[in-house]
Protein backbone atom coordinates (compact mmCIF):
# COMPACT_ATOMS: atom_id res chain seq x y z
CA UNK A 1 -6.51 -25.33 -73.43
CA UNK A 2 -4.53 -27.00 -76.19
CA UNK A 3 -3.97 -23.64 -77.87
CA UNK A 4 -2.69 -22.12 -74.63
CA UNK A 5 -0.38 -25.06 -74.03
CA UNK A 6 1.12 -24.77 -77.52
CA UNK A 7 1.75 -21.04 -77.03
CA UNK A 8 3.46 -21.69 -73.69
CA UNK A 9 5.76 -24.25 -75.37
CA UNK A 10 6.89 -21.97 -78.20
CA UNK A 11 10.62 -21.39 -78.60
CA UNK A 12 12.23 -18.29 -77.10
CA UNK A 13 14.36 -15.65 -78.79
CA UNK A 14 18.10 -16.24 -78.39
CA UNK A 15 18.36 -13.12 -76.23
CA UNK A 16 16.21 -14.87 -73.63
CA UNK A 17 18.60 -17.81 -73.34
CA UNK A 18 21.68 -18.23 -71.17
CA UNK A 19 24.28 -20.98 -70.93
CA UNK A 20 26.13 -22.56 -68.03
CA UNK A 21 29.16 -24.81 -68.09
CA UNK A 22 28.31 -28.47 -67.60
CA UNK A 23 31.00 -31.13 -67.89
CA UNK A 24 34.58 -30.05 -68.72
CA UNK A 25 37.46 -31.79 -70.43
CA UNK A 26 40.52 -32.94 -68.47
CA UNK A 27 42.62 -29.81 -69.03
CA UNK A 28 39.74 -27.42 -68.30
CA UNK A 29 39.86 -25.71 -71.70
CA UNK A 30 36.48 -26.85 -73.06
CA UNK A 31 33.07 -27.06 -71.47
CA UNK A 32 29.70 -28.53 -72.36
CA UNK A 33 27.17 -25.72 -72.96
CA UNK A 34 23.87 -26.27 -71.13
CA UNK A 35 21.12 -23.89 -72.26
CA UNK A 36 18.38 -22.50 -70.05
CA UNK A 37 15.79 -19.76 -70.35
CA UNK A 38 15.84 -16.71 -68.09
CA UNK A 39 13.21 -16.59 -65.35
CA UNK A 40 12.12 -13.12 -66.49
CA UNK A 41 11.43 -14.46 -70.00
CA UNK A 42 9.22 -17.19 -68.51
CA UNK A 43 7.31 -14.57 -66.51
CA UNK A 44 6.81 -12.51 -69.67
CA UNK A 45 5.59 -15.61 -71.53
CA UNK A 46 3.00 -16.26 -68.82
CA UNK A 47 1.85 -12.62 -68.88
CA UNK A 48 1.48 -12.69 -72.66
CA UNK A 49 -0.29 -16.06 -72.97
CA UNK A 50 -2.60 -16.23 -69.93
CA UNK A 51 -2.45 -12.68 -68.51
CA UNK A 52 -0.67 -11.46 -65.39
CA UNK A 53 -3.82 -11.96 -63.30
CA UNK A 54 -4.15 -15.61 -64.29
CA UNK A 55 -0.95 -17.06 -62.87
CA UNK A 56 0.75 -17.11 -59.49
CA UNK A 57 3.70 -18.76 -57.85
CA UNK A 58 4.59 -19.81 -54.31
CA UNK A 59 7.66 -21.38 -52.70
CA UNK A 60 8.26 -23.77 -49.84
CA UNK A 61 11.69 -24.30 -48.30
CA UNK A 62 12.70 -27.96 -48.15
CA UNK A 63 15.90 -29.64 -47.03
CA UNK A 64 18.67 -28.32 -49.22
CA UNK A 65 16.47 -26.33 -51.56
CA UNK A 66 13.03 -25.05 -52.51
CA UNK A 67 9.76 -26.43 -53.83
CA UNK A 68 7.94 -24.17 -56.29
CA UNK A 69 4.21 -24.29 -57.02
CA UNK A 70 3.15 -22.63 -60.28
CA UNK A 71 -0.59 -22.09 -60.72
CA UNK A 72 -2.30 -21.06 -63.96
CA UNK A 73 -5.99 -20.21 -64.25
CA UNK A 74 -7.66 -21.55 -67.38
CA UNK A 75 -11.43 -21.33 -67.88
CA UNK A 76 -11.82 -20.19 -64.24
CA UNK A 77 -10.01 -23.30 -62.99
CA UNK A 78 -6.62 -23.14 -61.28
CA UNK A 79 -4.14 -25.77 -62.48
CA UNK A 80 -1.19 -26.32 -60.13
CA UNK A 81 2.15 -27.99 -60.79
CA UNK A 82 5.13 -28.47 -58.46
CA UNK A 83 8.85 -29.03 -58.86
CA UNK A 84 11.94 -28.30 -56.80
CA UNK A 85 15.62 -27.42 -56.97
CA UNK A 86 18.54 -27.36 -54.58
CA UNK A 87 20.30 -24.19 -53.47
CA UNK A 88 23.11 -22.98 -55.72
CA UNK A 89 26.73 -22.19 -54.95
CA UNK A 90 26.32 -18.55 -56.00
CA UNK A 91 23.46 -16.59 -54.40
CA UNK A 92 22.21 -19.86 -52.93
CA UNK A 93 18.67 -18.78 -51.94
CA UNK A 94 17.95 -16.66 -55.01
CA UNK A 95 19.48 -19.28 -57.29
CA UNK A 96 17.53 -22.13 -55.71
CA UNK A 97 14.22 -20.25 -55.98
CA UNK A 98 14.90 -19.26 -59.60
CA UNK A 99 15.86 -22.81 -60.61
CA UNK A 100 12.78 -24.27 -58.93
CA UNK A 101 10.60 -21.82 -60.88
CA UNK A 102 12.28 -22.70 -64.17
CA UNK A 103 11.91 -26.42 -63.52
CA UNK A 104 8.20 -26.34 -62.73
CA UNK A 105 7.55 -24.10 -65.74
CA UNK A 106 9.25 -26.72 -67.92
CA UNK A 107 8.08 -29.95 -66.30
CA UNK A 108 4.58 -28.76 -65.49
CA UNK A 109 3.62 -26.57 -68.45
CA UNK A 110 6.22 -27.28 -71.15
CA UNK A 111 7.78 -23.79 -71.07
CA UNK A 112 11.31 -24.11 -72.46
CA UNK A 113 11.14 -27.91 -72.43
CA UNK A 114 12.51 -28.02 -75.99
CA UNK A 115 15.90 -27.03 -74.56
CA UNK A 116 16.33 -30.61 -73.31
CA UNK A 117 16.63 -31.52 -76.99
CA UNK A 118 19.69 -29.32 -77.45
CA UNK A 119 22.73 -30.86 -79.10
CA UNK A 120 25.82 -31.47 -76.96
CA UNK A 121 28.16 -28.65 -77.99
CA UNK A 122 31.58 -27.88 -76.49
CA UNK A 123 33.03 -24.36 -76.26
CA UNK A 124 36.25 -22.80 -74.89
CA UNK A 125 36.03 -21.87 -71.20
CA UNK A 126 38.00 -19.70 -68.80
CA UNK A 127 38.32 -19.52 -65.03
CA UNK A 128 36.16 -17.07 -63.10
CA UNK A 129 36.18 -17.17 -59.31
CA UNK A 130 35.58 -20.75 -58.16
CA UNK A 131 34.05 -21.82 -61.44
CA UNK A 132 34.24 -21.45 -65.21
CA UNK A 133 32.51 -19.33 -67.83
CA UNK A 134 32.52 -19.52 -71.61
CA UNK A 135 35.23 -17.62 -73.45
CA UNK A 136 32.84 -17.22 -76.39
CA UNK A 137 29.04 -17.11 -76.51
CA UNK A 138 27.52 -20.55 -77.24
CA UNK A 139 24.82 -20.96 -79.88
CA UNK A 140 21.79 -23.19 -79.38
CA UNK A 141 21.43 -26.06 -81.86
CA UNK A 142 18.67 -28.63 -81.50
CA UNK A 143 19.10 -32.29 -82.36
CA UNK A 144 16.73 -32.12 -85.33
CA UNK A 145 18.76 -29.34 -86.93
CA UNK A 146 21.21 -30.43 -89.62
CA UNK A 147 24.90 -30.43 -88.78
CA UNK A 148 26.78 -27.93 -90.90
CA UNK A 149 29.78 -25.97 -89.75
CA UNK A 150 30.66 -28.35 -86.96
CA UNK A 151 31.19 -31.23 -89.41
CA UNK A 152 33.34 -29.25 -91.81
CA UNK A 153 35.46 -27.66 -89.10
CA UNK A 154 36.15 -30.67 -86.89
CA UNK A 155 38.30 -30.13 -83.80
CA UNK A 156 41.83 -31.57 -83.72
CA UNK A 157 42.03 -35.26 -82.78
CA UNK A 158 43.95 -34.58 -79.56
CA UNK A 159 41.24 -32.21 -78.43
CA UNK A 160 38.58 -34.79 -79.17
CA UNK A 161 40.47 -37.28 -77.03
CA UNK A 162 40.60 -34.80 -74.18
CA UNK A 163 36.88 -34.18 -74.44
CA UNK A 164 36.26 -37.87 -73.82
CA UNK A 165 37.71 -37.46 -70.33
CA UNK A 166 34.73 -35.91 -68.57
CA UNK A 167 35.34 -34.11 -65.29
CA UNK A 168 32.47 -33.96 -62.78
CA UNK A 169 31.70 -30.40 -61.64
CA UNK A 170 29.25 -31.28 -58.84
CA UNK A 171 28.67 -33.59 -55.90
CA UNK A 172 31.09 -35.48 -53.66
CA UNK A 173 33.48 -36.28 -56.54
CA UNK A 174 33.64 -32.75 -57.93
CA UNK A 175 36.86 -32.20 -59.91
CA UNK A 176 37.45 -35.92 -60.60
CA UNK A 177 37.16 -37.68 -63.93
CA UNK A 178 34.57 -40.38 -64.53
CA UNK A 179 37.38 -42.86 -65.10
CA UNK A 180 38.91 -42.16 -61.68
CA UNK A 181 35.49 -42.36 -60.02
CA UNK A 182 34.84 -45.69 -61.75
CA UNK A 183 37.98 -47.22 -60.24
CA UNK A 184 37.09 -45.96 -56.73
CA UNK A 185 33.29 -46.11 -56.60
CA UNK A 186 31.59 -48.10 -59.32
CA UNK A 187 28.18 -47.70 -57.65
CA UNK A 188 28.37 -43.92 -58.18
CA UNK A 189 28.92 -44.46 -61.89
CA UNK A 190 25.76 -46.58 -61.94
CA UNK A 191 23.96 -43.79 -60.10
CA UNK A 192 25.06 -41.19 -62.67
CA UNK A 193 24.05 -43.48 -65.53
CA UNK A 194 20.53 -43.81 -64.12
CA UNK A 195 19.96 -40.29 -62.72
CA UNK A 196 21.99 -37.84 -64.79
CA UNK A 197 20.25 -35.68 -67.41
CA UNK A 198 23.55 -35.05 -69.22
CA UNK A 199 23.67 -37.42 -72.20
CA UNK A 200 27.47 -37.20 -72.43
CA UNK A 201 27.83 -38.34 -68.83
CA UNK A 202 25.32 -41.16 -69.39
CA UNK A 203 27.16 -42.40 -72.50
CA UNK A 204 30.53 -42.36 -70.75
CA UNK A 205 29.13 -44.18 -67.70
CA UNK A 206 27.60 -46.86 -69.92
CA UNK A 207 30.91 -47.29 -71.71
CA UNK A 208 32.82 -47.64 -68.44
CA UNK A 209 30.34 -50.14 -66.98
CA UNK A 210 30.49 -52.22 -70.16
CA UNK A 211 34.28 -52.42 -70.13
C-alpha cells in the first residue's frame, strides 16, 4: 500500500497543470497564480497506478455544491474518502463536480497535494468576461526550489507596493481590498486569517490585525 500511495503522490508533468487567478493587486494588472492539476490527469494517474477497474467515484449534491466520494480498491478492500466543493461561477455544476473530485483526490489520497507547497508568484493579468486570465503562462515553482531569476530581476518598487494591496476576488466583499474590509468588518479579516488557504491573504490579515 505504501508503494501505491507514493506513486499516487508523484509530481505531474507541466502539461497536466493549469493556473487560475487568485488575489489581484489594486490596479488589476497582476494576479497570484494558483496551480491545480487537471481532472483528466488525475483519472489517468488512477488508471496507471491502480487500474481502471480498481477505482470509482460518486457524487452527492449538497447545499451550494457537491460532495465527492472517491473509492480505491487495494488488496481486495475498498478504501473510500470524501471531500466537497461549491459550485463555480462558470459552468457551475460541471465546475463544482470537477473541483470536488480534485479535492478528494488530494486530501484523501495525496494526488497533487504537493501543489499546496507552491511558491506565491505574481504574473500579469488581463480582463476576460467577468474575470481575469493570465497574460503570460505561469510556471510552477515549489518552496524548496532555490530562487534564481526572480531575485535577480526584481519588480519595480512601485509595483511591489501595489501588490501589497490585495483585492478579494470572492465572497461578499468581492472587489474590495483587505484594508477596506478591515475598516468595515474586522471579524471578516479574522475569518480569512483562520480559514483562507492563500498564504498571502493570511499574512496580510495578520499584519492588519496586529496594527
